[in-house]
Protein backbone atom coordinates (compact mmCIF):
# COMPACT_ATOMS: atom_id res chain seq x y z
CA UNK A 1 0.00 0.00 0.00
CA UNK A 2 1.46 3.38 -0.92
CA UNK A 3 1.95 6.21 1.51
CA UNK A 4 -0.42 8.40 -0.46
CA UNK A 5 -3.26 5.87 -0.08
CA UNK A 6 -2.80 5.64 3.65
CA UNK A 7 -2.71 9.41 4.03
CA UNK A 8 -5.92 9.74 2.06
CA UNK A 9 -7.54 7.39 4.57
CA UNK A 10 -6.18 9.52 7.39
CA UNK A 11 -7.42 12.78 5.93
CA UNK A 12 -10.85 11.32 5.30
CA UNK A 13 -10.97 10.03 8.85
CA UNK A 14 -9.96 13.42 10.22
CA UNK A 15 -12.81 15.02 8.32
CA UNK A 16 -15.36 12.88 10.13
CA UNK A 17 -14.88 14.89 13.30
CA UNK A 18 -16.16 17.93 11.40
CA UNK A 19 -19.49 16.30 10.47
CA UNK A 20 -22.51 17.20 12.57
CA UNK A 21 -24.17 13.90 13.40
CA UNK A 22 -27.64 13.54 14.91
CA UNK A 23 -27.90 14.08 18.64
CA UNK A 24 -28.32 10.82 20.51
CA UNK A 25 -31.26 10.13 22.77
CA UNK A 26 -30.55 10.76 26.46
CA UNK A 27 -28.22 8.08 27.79
CA UNK A 28 -28.81 6.00 30.87
CA UNK A 29 -25.24 5.80 32.11
CA UNK A 30 -26.02 2.70 34.18
CA UNK A 31 -26.89 0.84 30.99
CA UNK A 32 -24.02 2.13 28.84
CA UNK A 33 -21.98 -0.54 27.09
CA UNK A 34 -18.86 -1.16 29.15
CA UNK A 35 -15.49 -0.73 27.41
CA UNK A 36 -12.94 -3.51 27.12
CA UNK A 37 -9.88 -1.33 26.48
CA UNK A 38 -9.64 -2.44 22.83
CA UNK A 39 -11.91 0.11 21.21
CA UNK A 40 -9.57 1.82 18.75
CA UNK A 41 -9.54 -0.79 15.98
CA UNK A 42 -7.00 -0.46 13.15
CA UNK A 43 -6.65 1.88 10.18
CA UNK A 44 -8.29 -0.74 7.94
CA UNK A 45 -10.98 -1.53 10.53
CA UNK A 46 -11.37 1.66 12.58
CA UNK A 47 -13.92 0.21 14.96
CA UNK A 48 -15.36 2.65 17.44
CA UNK A 49 -13.62 5.90 16.89
CA UNK A 50 -14.31 7.30 13.45
CA UNK A 51 -18.03 6.58 13.45
CA UNK A 52 -18.46 8.41 16.73
CA UNK A 53 -16.04 11.28 16.55
CA UNK A 54 -18.59 14.03 16.15
CA UNK A 55 -21.58 12.58 17.94
CA UNK A 56 -23.55 13.68 20.94
CA UNK A 57 -22.88 17.42 21.06
CA UNK A 58 -25.49 18.68 23.47
CA UNK A 59 -26.77 15.21 24.29
CA UNK A 60 -28.29 14.88 27.72
CA UNK A 61 -26.71 12.19 29.88
CA UNK A 62 -28.13 9.73 32.31
CA UNK A 63 -27.20 9.65 35.99
CA UNK A 64 -23.62 10.65 36.66
CA UNK A 65 -22.97 11.77 33.10
CA UNK A 66 -22.17 15.05 31.39
CA UNK A 67 -23.59 16.85 28.40
CA UNK A 68 -20.36 16.45 26.47
CA UNK A 69 -20.97 13.18 24.63
CA UNK A 70 -19.28 11.02 27.26
CA UNK A 71 -20.57 9.80 30.63
CA UNK A 72 -18.99 9.40 34.05
CA UNK A 73 -19.76 6.02 35.65
CA UNK A 74 -18.39 6.46 39.16
CA UNK A 75 -14.97 4.79 38.88
CA UNK A 76 -11.60 6.36 39.69
CA UNK A 77 -9.37 8.40 37.43
CA UNK A 78 -5.60 8.64 37.84
CA UNK A 79 -4.83 11.78 39.86
CA UNK A 80 -1.57 13.62 40.36
CA UNK A 81 1.46 12.71 38.26
CA UNK A 82 1.11 9.47 36.30
CA UNK A 83 4.32 7.46 36.08
CA UNK A 84 5.11 5.71 32.79
CA UNK A 85 7.03 2.43 32.72
CA UNK A 86 8.10 0.74 29.50
CA UNK A 87 8.87 -2.96 29.18
CA UNK A 88 10.81 -3.56 25.95
CA UNK A 89 9.83 -7.11 25.04
CA UNK A 90 11.75 -9.01 22.36
CA UNK A 91 14.65 -7.66 20.32
CA UNK A 92 15.00 -3.86 20.19
CA UNK A 93 18.74 -3.81 19.54
CA UNK A 94 19.70 -0.94 17.24
CA UNK A 95 16.10 0.27 16.90
CA UNK A 96 15.67 4.03 17.35
CA UNK A 97 12.25 3.35 18.89
CA UNK A 98 13.90 3.14 22.30
CA UNK A 99 14.86 6.82 21.99
CA UNK A 100 11.77 8.05 20.12
CA UNK A 101 9.28 6.54 22.56
CA UNK A 102 11.32 7.48 25.64
CA UNK A 103 11.29 11.08 24.39
CA UNK A 104 7.51 10.85 23.98
CA UNK A 105 7.09 9.77 27.61
CA UNK A 106 9.46 12.55 28.69
CA UNK A 107 7.53 15.30 26.93
CA UNK A 108 3.83 14.39 26.69
CA UNK A 109 3.00 15.34 30.28
CA UNK A 110 1.95 18.96 30.73
CA UNK A 111 1.62 19.46 26.97
CA UNK A 112 -1.43 21.23 25.49
CA UNK A 113 -2.35 17.87 23.96
CA UNK A 114 -2.35 15.90 27.20
CA UNK A 115 -4.05 18.83 28.97
CA UNK A 116 -7.25 17.65 27.24
CA UNK A 117 -7.48 15.03 29.98
CA UNK A 118 -7.94 17.72 32.64
CA UNK A 119 -11.55 17.94 31.46
CA UNK A 120 -12.13 14.60 33.24
CA UNK A 121 -12.61 14.10 36.98
CA UNK A 122 -13.70 11.65 39.65
CA UNK A 123 -16.74 11.52 41.93
CA UNK A 124 -15.16 14.07 44.26
CA UNK A 125 -14.69 16.55 41.40
CA UNK A 126 -10.92 15.97 41.47
CA UNK A 127 -9.61 16.61 37.97
CA UNK A 128 -6.88 14.77 36.11
CA UNK A 129 -3.78 16.98 36.25
CA UNK A 130 -2.34 16.16 32.84
CA UNK A 131 1.08 15.53 34.38
CA UNK A 132 3.17 12.53 33.32
CA UNK A 133 6.64 11.38 34.32
CA UNK A 134 8.79 8.88 32.43
CA UNK A 135 10.03 6.87 35.41
CA UNK A 136 12.03 3.89 34.13
CA UNK A 137 12.09 0.94 31.76
CA UNK A 138 12.94 -2.76 31.75
CA UNK A 139 13.91 -5.34 29.14
CA UNK A 140 12.40 -8.78 28.57
CA UNK A 141 14.22 -11.10 26.17
CA UNK A 142 11.30 -13.22 24.88
CA UNK A 143 10.52 -14.74 28.31
CA UNK A 144 7.17 -16.03 26.98
CA UNK A 145 8.09 -16.57 23.34
CA UNK A 146 7.00 -14.75 20.21
CA UNK A 147 3.24 -15.29 20.37
CA UNK A 148 1.63 -13.71 23.40
CA UNK A 149 -1.87 -13.91 24.86
CA UNK A 150 -3.64 -11.19 26.83
CA UNK A 151 -2.83 -13.12 30.01
CA UNK A 152 0.84 -13.20 29.01
CA UNK A 153 0.93 -9.40 28.92
CA UNK A 154 -0.06 -9.19 32.59
CA UNK A 155 2.47 -11.90 33.41
CA UNK A 156 5.23 -9.91 31.71
CA UNK A 157 4.34 -6.87 33.80
CA UNK A 158 4.11 -8.94 36.99
CA UNK A 159 7.47 -10.56 36.29
CA UNK A 160 9.19 -7.22 35.68
CA UNK A 161 7.83 -5.94 38.98
CA UNK A 162 8.49 -9.21 40.82
CA UNK A 163 12.17 -9.33 39.88
CA UNK A 164 12.66 -5.72 40.95
CA UNK A 165 13.20 -4.29 37.47
CA UNK A 166 10.19 -2.00 37.97
CA UNK A 167 8.43 -0.89 41.18
CA UNK A 168 4.89 -1.58 42.35
CA UNK A 169 3.10 1.68 41.53
CA UNK A 170 -0.66 2.10 41.76
CA UNK A 171 -0.28 5.41 39.91
CA UNK A 172 1.82 3.84 37.20
CA UNK A 173 1.02 3.16 33.55
CA UNK A 174 2.97 0.08 32.45
CA UNK A 175 3.44 -0.50 28.71
CA UNK A 176 4.54 -3.81 27.21
CA UNK A 177 6.13 -2.81 23.89
CA UNK A 178 6.81 -5.77 21.60
CA UNK A 179 9.31 -6.00 18.77
CA UNK A 180 8.31 -6.61 15.15
CA UNK A 181 8.64 -10.39 15.36
CA UNK A 182 6.16 -10.73 18.25
CA UNK A 183 2.45 -11.48 17.76
CA UNK A 184 -0.44 -10.93 20.17
CA UNK A 185 -2.96 -13.70 19.62
CA UNK A 186 -6.18 -11.88 20.54
CA UNK A 187 -6.11 -9.61 17.48
CA UNK A 188 -3.01 -7.44 17.09
CA UNK A 189 -2.97 -6.10 13.50
CA UNK A 190 -6.52 -7.27 12.79
CA UNK A 191 -8.65 -5.95 15.66
CA UNK A 192 -6.34 -3.45 17.36
CA UNK A 193 -2.89 -1.90 17.41
CA UNK A 194 -2.84 -1.63 21.19
CA UNK A 195 -5.01 -1.93 24.27
CA UNK A 196 -5.12 -1.20 28.00
CA UNK A 197 -6.61 -2.79 31.10
CA UNK A 198 -5.78 -3.35 34.78
CA UNK A 199 -5.12 -6.21 37.16
CA UNK A 200 -4.24 -6.97 40.77
CA UNK A 201 -0.57 -7.87 41.09
CA UNK A 202 0.57 -8.80 44.61
CA UNK A 203 -2.31 -6.80 46.07
CA UNK A 204 -1.69 -3.66 44.00
CA UNK A 205 -4.03 -2.37 41.32
CA UNK A 206 -1.75 -2.13 38.29
CA UNK A 207 -2.74 -0.39 35.07
CA UNK A 208 -1.01 -1.78 32.00
CA UNK A 209 -1.15 -1.75 28.22
CA UNK A 210 0.06 -3.65 25.19
CA UNK A 211 1.43 -1.81 22.14
CA UNK A 212 2.99 -3.82 19.32
CA UNK A 213 5.56 -2.67 16.79
CA UNK A 214 3.47 -1.32 13.91
CA UNK A 215 6.12 -2.48 11.43
CA UNK A 216 4.58 -5.94 11.85
CA UNK A 217 1.47 -4.74 10.00
CA UNK A 218 2.08 -1.30 8.49
CA UNK A 219 -1.12 -1.20 6.45
CA UNK A 220 -3.16 -1.73 9.63
CA UNK A 221 -1.27 0.32 12.20
CA UNK A 222 0.90 2.90 10.39
CA UNK A 223 -0.71 6.07 9.04
CA UNK A 224 2.32 6.75 6.83
CA UNK A 225 5.38 4.86 5.69
CA UNK A 226 7.69 7.89 5.91
CA UNK A 227 7.49 9.37 9.40
CA UNK A 228 8.76 12.48 11.20
CA UNK A 229 11.46 10.66 13.18
CA UNK A 230 12.56 8.32 10.42
CA UNK A 231 11.11 5.19 12.00
CA UNK A 232 7.57 4.49 10.80
CA UNK A 233 6.97 1.66 13.26
CA UNK A 234 8.07 3.70 16.28
CA UNK A 235 6.23 6.84 15.19
CA UNK A 236 3.04 4.83 14.74
CA UNK A 237 3.55 3.28 18.17
CA UNK A 238 3.84 6.79 19.63
CA UNK A 239 0.32 7.55 18.45
CA UNK A 240 -1.04 4.34 19.97
CA UNK A 241 0.84 4.88 23.25
CA UNK A 242 -0.64 8.38 23.54
CA UNK A 243 -4.12 6.98 22.83
CA UNK A 244 -3.84 4.24 25.45
CA UNK A 245 -2.23 6.51 28.04
CA UNK A 246 -5.04 9.05 27.95
CA UNK A 247 -7.59 6.25 28.33
CA UNK A 248 -5.62 4.72 31.22
CA UNK A 249 -5.66 8.10 32.98
CA UNK A 250 -9.39 8.79 32.52
CA UNK A 251 -10.72 5.22 32.68
CA UNK A 252 -8.07 3.11 34.46
CA UNK A 253 -10.43 0.40 35.73
CA UNK A 254 -12.81 0.52 32.75
CA UNK A 255 -15.57 1.97 34.94
CA UNK A 256 -15.12 5.76 34.82
CA UNK A 257 -15.42 7.67 31.54
CA UNK A 258 -17.00 6.23 28.39
CA UNK A 259 -20.04 6.89 26.24
CA UNK A 260 -23.24 4.97 25.58
CA UNK A 261 -21.51 2.63 23.15
CA UNK A 262 -18.52 1.87 25.36
CA UNK A 263 -16.11 4.26 23.62
CA UNK A 264 -13.50 5.79 25.90
CA UNK A 265 -12.28 9.34 25.33
CA UNK A 266 -9.55 8.58 22.78
CA UNK A 267 -11.71 5.96 21.02
CA UNK A 268 -14.10 8.73 20.04
CA UNK A 269 -11.35 10.32 17.93
CA UNK A 270 -9.37 7.24 16.93
CA UNK A 271 -7.37 7.46 13.70
CA UNK A 272 -8.21 11.15 13.19
CA UNK A 273 -5.38 13.66 13.21
CA UNK A 274 -6.79 17.14 12.66
CA UNK A 275 -4.61 19.85 11.10
CA UNK A 276 -1.28 18.49 9.88
CA UNK A 277 2.00 20.03 8.73
CA UNK A 278 4.73 18.66 6.49
CA UNK A 279 8.09 17.72 8.01
CA UNK A 280 11.41 18.24 6.23
CA UNK A 281 11.40 14.61 5.00
CA UNK A 282 7.93 14.94 3.47
CA UNK A 283 6.05 13.13 6.24
CA UNK A 284 3.15 14.62 8.15
CA UNK A 285 3.00 15.69 11.79
CA UNK A 286 0.47 17.48 13.96
CA UNK A 287 2.39 18.34 17.11
CA UNK A 288 5.83 18.95 18.52
CA UNK A 289 6.61 17.41 21.90
CA UNK A 290 10.03 18.19 23.26
CA UNK A 291 12.45 18.23 20.33
CA UNK A 292 10.47 15.81 18.16
CA UNK A 293 7.56 16.02 15.76
CA UNK A 294 4.80 13.42 15.98
CA UNK A 295 1.59 12.45 14.20
CA UNK A 296 -0.73 11.66 17.12
CA UNK A 297 -4.41 10.75 17.15
CA UNK A 298 -6.74 13.34 18.58
CA UNK A 299 -8.52 13.05 21.93
CA UNK A 300 -12.06 13.92 23.07
CA UNK A 301 -12.52 17.13 25.07
CA UNK A 302 -15.24 16.75 27.69
CA UNK A 303 -16.27 20.41 27.56
CA UNK A 304 -18.32 22.75 25.37
CA UNK A 305 -20.49 19.87 24.20
CA UNK A 306 -17.57 17.57 23.46
CA UNK A 307 -15.25 17.52 20.44
CA UNK A 308 -12.05 16.00 19.04
CA UNK A 309 -8.95 18.15 19.48
CA UNK A 310 -5.17 18.24 19.56
CA UNK A 311 -4.98 20.65 22.50
CA UNK A 312 -6.98 22.25 25.26
């Protein structure tokens, strides 16, 4: 598939957030479809996001909701500074992803983009701060082979914590990042490019995510084959990491913020990129974080009726 074809898909998807869709009937938040953390789909099979990106402006919610197209369901959000932990699973030797994605974690917190998440809050009206710290990372040399299950992802996180490579941190966001030769058997490249969930590990509620190397399936998980940082797989992973991180922060236990169809905040804008610029190598980008340019999926602002945006 050529880069031009993929970019035409991206531009068309971005345009969907500009379409005024019919207002939904008032939602009963108690009956809303619960999310499973895998709502983003792929570029070829967008799933939740693109069909919903402009819906529900002015919609009236059910109990505990808002009028911004997304409902609050009573669960916690991640308050204060969220600590990011990467687990580099497989073979990342010589891959610039280790620098590109570390720089993303260093710079995304406090950015106008991540500030969108401050429009979300818990039952005590405590708002997400939008602050993120890149704490530390660990390596895992194929401890569970090259085909992983969902259960394996939690085991990889638990093992990294158990051996002391990473700390127990209830305010942490743990990412298992797999190299190009690693498959995830529940649907990586066909149903999703990444996902998030939570689990109890030695008595601690741990939030974790899976993000695979998009070079394994570029037509499904890479918006462009030439990318701002010269590594299409890593740059595509950056977009998925940002997507999963903002959902982890606003819906860590899958019981806080989502809409009537089970779409979390980033799902509602999945695979849409808004206004883009052209980098020196001809690739597209829509934001600068730290010293790098990235093409990152938009997020849903829970204010002013609700809308997809790149900043707030």
